[in-house]
Amino acid sequence: MPQLTPDALRDAVARSAPSRLPALTQHLFEATTNAQQTQSLAPLRAFVHSWAVFVAIERHPARAERLRELERIVEAGEADPSNAITEIRTIREAAEAELWRPGTTPRVPSPAA
């Protein structure tokens, strides 16, 4: 995992999913603006958490592809999405667990903090 800073996350996204850079840039702009307006670091913590989970998922191409497949199933709305939603949750939880695993540096603060 990269350092959990906006610049390091931007670099990681540029390598793993360059098409997502505009979304990251927009999210960072919004988080920075909200942090300034509210005088709180919570929006920046939420940004780091969100993109750190994204990078953790993208680090495993098979897992990233499975997530995209599950998201397509849910978006299509053609079948009961319960199993797909459960598997999406499992993938995201596994990625989040990687952020808190000993040896990952630094740990990302909880978005609720």
C-alpha atoms as a PDB file:
ATOM      1  CA  MET A   1       0.000   0.000   0.000  1.00  0.00           C
ATOM      2  CA  PRO A   2       1.195   3.525  -0.690  1.00  0.00           C
ATOM      3  CA  GLN A   3       1.489   6.157   1.986  1.00  0.00           C
ATOM      4  CA  LEU A   4      -2.013   7.303   2.813  1.00  0.00           C
ATOM      5  CA  THR A   5      -1.616  10.864   1.606  1.00  0.00           C
ATOM      6  CA  PRO A   6      -3.424  12.565  -1.268  1.00  0.00           C
ATOM      7  CA  ASP A   7      -0.256  12.674  -3.406  1.00  0.00           C
ATOM      8  CA  ALA A   8       0.652   9.031  -2.822  1.00  0.00           C
ATOM      9  CA  LEU A   9      -2.921   7.902  -3.439  1.00  0.00           C
ATOM     10  CA  ARG A  10      -3.019   9.985  -6.640  1.00  0.00           C
ATOM     11  CA  ASP A  11       0.176   8.270  -7.825  1.00  0.00           C
ATOM     12  CA  ALA A  12      -1.228   4.830  -6.998  1.00  0.00           C
ATOM     13  CA  VAL A  13      -4.467   5.567  -8.856  1.00  0.00           C
ATOM     14  CA  ALA A  14      -2.490   6.901 -11.822  1.00  0.00           C
ATOM     15  CA  ARG A  15      -0.683   3.559 -12.045  1.00  0.00           C
ATOM     16  CA  SER A  16      -3.613   1.210 -11.392  1.00  0.00           C
ATOM     17  CA  ALA A  17      -6.664   3.021 -12.768  1.00  0.00           C
ATOM     18  CA  PRO A  18      -5.715   6.232 -14.614  1.00  0.00           C
ATOM     19  CA  SER A  19      -9.274   6.709 -15.846  1.00  0.00           C
ATOM     20  CA  ARG A  20     -10.275   7.389 -12.218  1.00  0.00           C
ATOM     21  CA  LEU A  21      -7.890  10.348 -11.772  1.00  0.00           C
ATOM     22  CA  PRO A  22     -10.548  12.972 -12.618  1.00  0.00           C
ATOM     23  CA  ALA A  23     -12.848  11.507  -9.950  1.00  0.00           C
ATOM     24  CA  LEU A  24     -10.036  11.500  -7.392  1.00  0.00           C
ATOM     25  CA  THR A  25      -9.132  15.100  -8.248  1.00  0.00           C
ATOM     26  CA  GLN A  26     -12.766  16.212  -7.953  1.00  0.00           C
ATOM     27  CA  HIS A  27     -13.216  14.367  -4.652  1.00  0.00           C
ATOM     28  CA  LEU A  28     -10.016  15.941  -3.261  1.00  0.00           C
ATOM     29  CA  PHE A  29     -11.162  19.418  -4.309  1.00  0.00           C
ATOM     30  CA  GLU A  30     -14.541  18.888  -2.628  1.00  0.00           C
ATOM     31  CA  ALA A  31     -12.963  17.426   0.510  1.00  0.00           C
ATOM     32  CA  THR A  32     -10.516  20.322   0.786  1.00  0.00           C
ATOM     33  CA  THR A  33     -13.267  22.882   0.297  1.00  0.00           C
ATOM     34  CA  ASN A  34     -15.495  21.184   2.863  1.00  0.00           C
ATOM     35  CA  ALA A  35     -12.611  20.911   5.331  1.00  0.00           C
ATOM     36  CA  GLN A  36     -11.932  24.633   5.016  1.00  0.00           C
ATOM     37  CA  GLN A  37     -15.605  25.569   5.327  1.00  0.00           C
ATOM     38  CA  THR A  38     -16.247  23.349   8.334  1.00  0.00           C
ATOM     39  CA  GLN A  39     -12.791  23.794   9.885  1.00  0.00           C
ATOM     40  CA  SER A  40     -12.648  20.024  10.251  1.00  0.00           C
ATOM     41  CA  LEU A  41     -10.331  17.349   8.950  1.00  0.00           C
ATOM     42  CA  ALA A  42     -13.203  14.862   8.654  1.00  0.00           C
ATOM     43  CA  PRO A  43     -13.764  15.486   4.913  1.00  0.00           C
ATOM     44  CA  LEU A  44     -10.065  14.868   4.205  1.00  0.00           C
ATOM     45  CA  ARG A  45     -10.074  11.740   6.351  1.00  0.00           C
ATOM     46  CA  ALA A  46     -13.088  10.464   4.410  1.00  0.00           C
ATOM     47  CA  PHE A  47     -11.276  11.209   1.134  1.00  0.00           C
ATOM     48  CA  VAL A  48      -8.169   9.298   2.230  1.00  0.00           C
ATOM     49  CA  HIS A  49     -10.242   6.384   3.510  1.00  0.00           C
ATOM     50  CA  SER A  50     -12.299   6.129   0.331  1.00  0.00           C
ATOM     51  CA  TRP A  51      -9.334   6.217  -2.032  1.00  0.00           C
ATOM     52  CA  ALA A  52      -7.172   3.979   0.162  1.00  0.00           C
ATOM     53  CA  VAL A  53      -9.897   1.311  -0.037  1.00  0.00           C
ATOM     54  CA  PHE A  54     -10.076   1.834  -3.809  1.00  0.00           C
ATOM     55  CA  VAL A  55      -6.301   1.354  -4.133  1.00  0.00           C
ATOM     56  CA  ALA A  56      -6.387  -1.717  -1.871  1.00  0.00           C
ATOM     57  CA  ILE A  57      -9.006  -3.257  -4.158  1.00  0.00           C
ATOM     58  CA  GLU A  58      -7.166  -2.305  -7.357  1.00  0.00           C
ATOM     59  CA  ARG A  59      -3.919  -3.854  -6.077  1.00  0.00           C
ATOM     60  CA  HIS A  60      -5.536  -7.236  -6.726  1.00  0.00           C
ATOM     61  CA  PRO A  61      -6.686  -7.263 -10.375  1.00  0.00           C
ATOM     62  CA  ALA A  62      -8.938 -10.319 -10.003  1.00  0.00           C
ATOM     63  CA  ARG A  63     -10.656  -8.784  -6.990  1.00  0.00           C
ATOM     64  CA  ALA A  64     -11.063  -5.450  -8.793  1.00  0.00           C
ATOM     65  CA  GLU A  65     -12.558  -7.153 -11.843  1.00  0.00           C
ATOM     66  CA  ARG A  66     -14.937  -9.185  -9.677  1.00  0.00           C
ATOM     67  CA  LEU A  67     -16.079  -6.011  -7.939  1.00  0.00           C
ATOM     68  CA  ARG A  68     -16.790  -4.343 -11.298  1.00  0.00           C
ATOM     69  CA  GLU A  69     -18.721  -7.431 -12.414  1.00  0.00           C
ATOM     70  CA  LEU A  70     -20.800  -7.392  -9.225  1.00  0.00           C
ATOM     71  CA  GLU A  71     -21.478  -3.671  -9.604  1.00  0.00           C
ATOM     72  CA  ARG A  72     -22.728  -4.298 -13.153  1.00  0.00           C
ATOM     73  CA  ILE A  73     -25.088  -6.970 -11.837  1.00  0.00           C
ATOM     74  CA  VAL A  74     -26.509  -4.578  -9.257  1.00  0.00           C
ATOM     75  CA  GLU A  75     -26.794  -1.688 -11.743  1.00  0.00           C
ATOM     76  CA  ALA A  76     -28.543  -3.866 -14.335  1.00  0.00           C
ATOM     77  CA  GLY A  77     -31.351  -4.529 -11.890  1.00  0.00           C
ATOM     78  CA  GLU A  78     -32.383  -7.646 -13.792  1.00  0.00           C
ATOM     79  CA  ALA A  79     -32.087 -10.101 -10.924  1.00  0.00           C
ATOM     80  CA  ASP A  80     -32.160 -10.116  -7.139  1.00  0.00           C
ATOM     81  CA  PRO A  81     -28.974  -8.223  -6.214  1.00  0.00           C
ATOM     82  CA  SER A  82     -28.744  -9.576  -2.642  1.00  0.00           C
ATOM     83  CA  ASN A  83     -25.886 -12.000  -3.270  1.00  0.00           C
ATOM     84  CA  ALA A  84     -23.967  -9.442  -5.335  1.00  0.00           C
ATOM     85  CA  ILE A  85     -24.381  -6.790  -2.639  1.00  0.00           C
ATOM     86  CA  THR A  86     -23.179  -9.215   0.021  1.00  0.00           C
ATOM     87  CA  GLU A  87     -20.088 -10.059  -2.037  1.00  0.00           C
ATOM     88  CA  ILE A  88     -19.412  -6.362  -2.711  1.00  0.00           C
ATOM     89  CA  ARG A  89     -19.514  -5.748   1.037  1.00  0.00           C
ATOM     90  CA  THR A  90     -17.106  -8.653   1.600  1.00  0.00           C
ATOM     91  CA  ILE A  91     -14.634  -7.281  -0.964  1.00  0.00           C
ATOM     92  CA  ARG A  92     -14.745  -3.804   0.548  1.00  0.00           C
ATOM     93  CA  GLU A  93     -14.331  -5.161   4.088  1.00  0.00           C
ATOM     94  CA  ALA A  94     -11.298  -7.197   3.005  1.00  0.00           C
ATOM     95  CA  ALA A  95      -9.765  -4.087   1.444  1.00  0.00           C
ATOM     96  CA  GLU A  96     -10.439  -2.062   4.591  1.00  0.00           C
ATOM     97  CA  ALA A  97      -8.875  -4.786   6.722  1.00  0.00           C
ATOM     98  CA  GLU A  98      -5.680  -4.398   4.685  1.00  0.00           C
ATOM     99  CA  LEU A  99      -5.490  -0.772   5.792  1.00  0.00           C
ATOM    100  CA  TRP A 100      -5.467  -1.785   9.448  1.00  0.00           C
ATOM    101  CA  ARG A 101      -3.190  -4.825   9.105  1.00  0.00           C
ATOM    102  CA  PRO A 102      -0.001  -4.509  11.143  1.00  0.00           C
ATOM    103  CA  GLY A 103       2.835  -3.387   8.929  1.00  0.00           C
ATOM    104  CA  THR A 104       0.735  -1.048   6.793  1.00  0.00           C
ATOM    105  CA  THR A 105       1.914   2.495   7.247  1.00  0.00           C
ATOM    106  CA  PRO A 106       0.381   4.843   8.026  1.00  0.00           C
ATOM    107  CA  ARG A 107      -3.022   3.696   9.126  1.00  0.00           C
ATOM    108  CA  VAL A 108      -5.896   5.626   7.663  1.00  0.00           C
ATOM    109  CA  PRO A 109      -8.072   7.372  10.258  1.00  0.00           C
ATOM    110  CA  SER A 110     -11.705   6.393  10.454  1.00  0.00           C
ATOM    111  CA  PRO A 111     -13.931   8.695   8.360  1.00  0.00           C
ATOM    112  CA  ALA A 112     -16.092   9.264  11.441  1.00  0.00           C
ATOM    113  CA  ALA A 113     -13.131  10.613  13.424  1.00  0.00           C
END
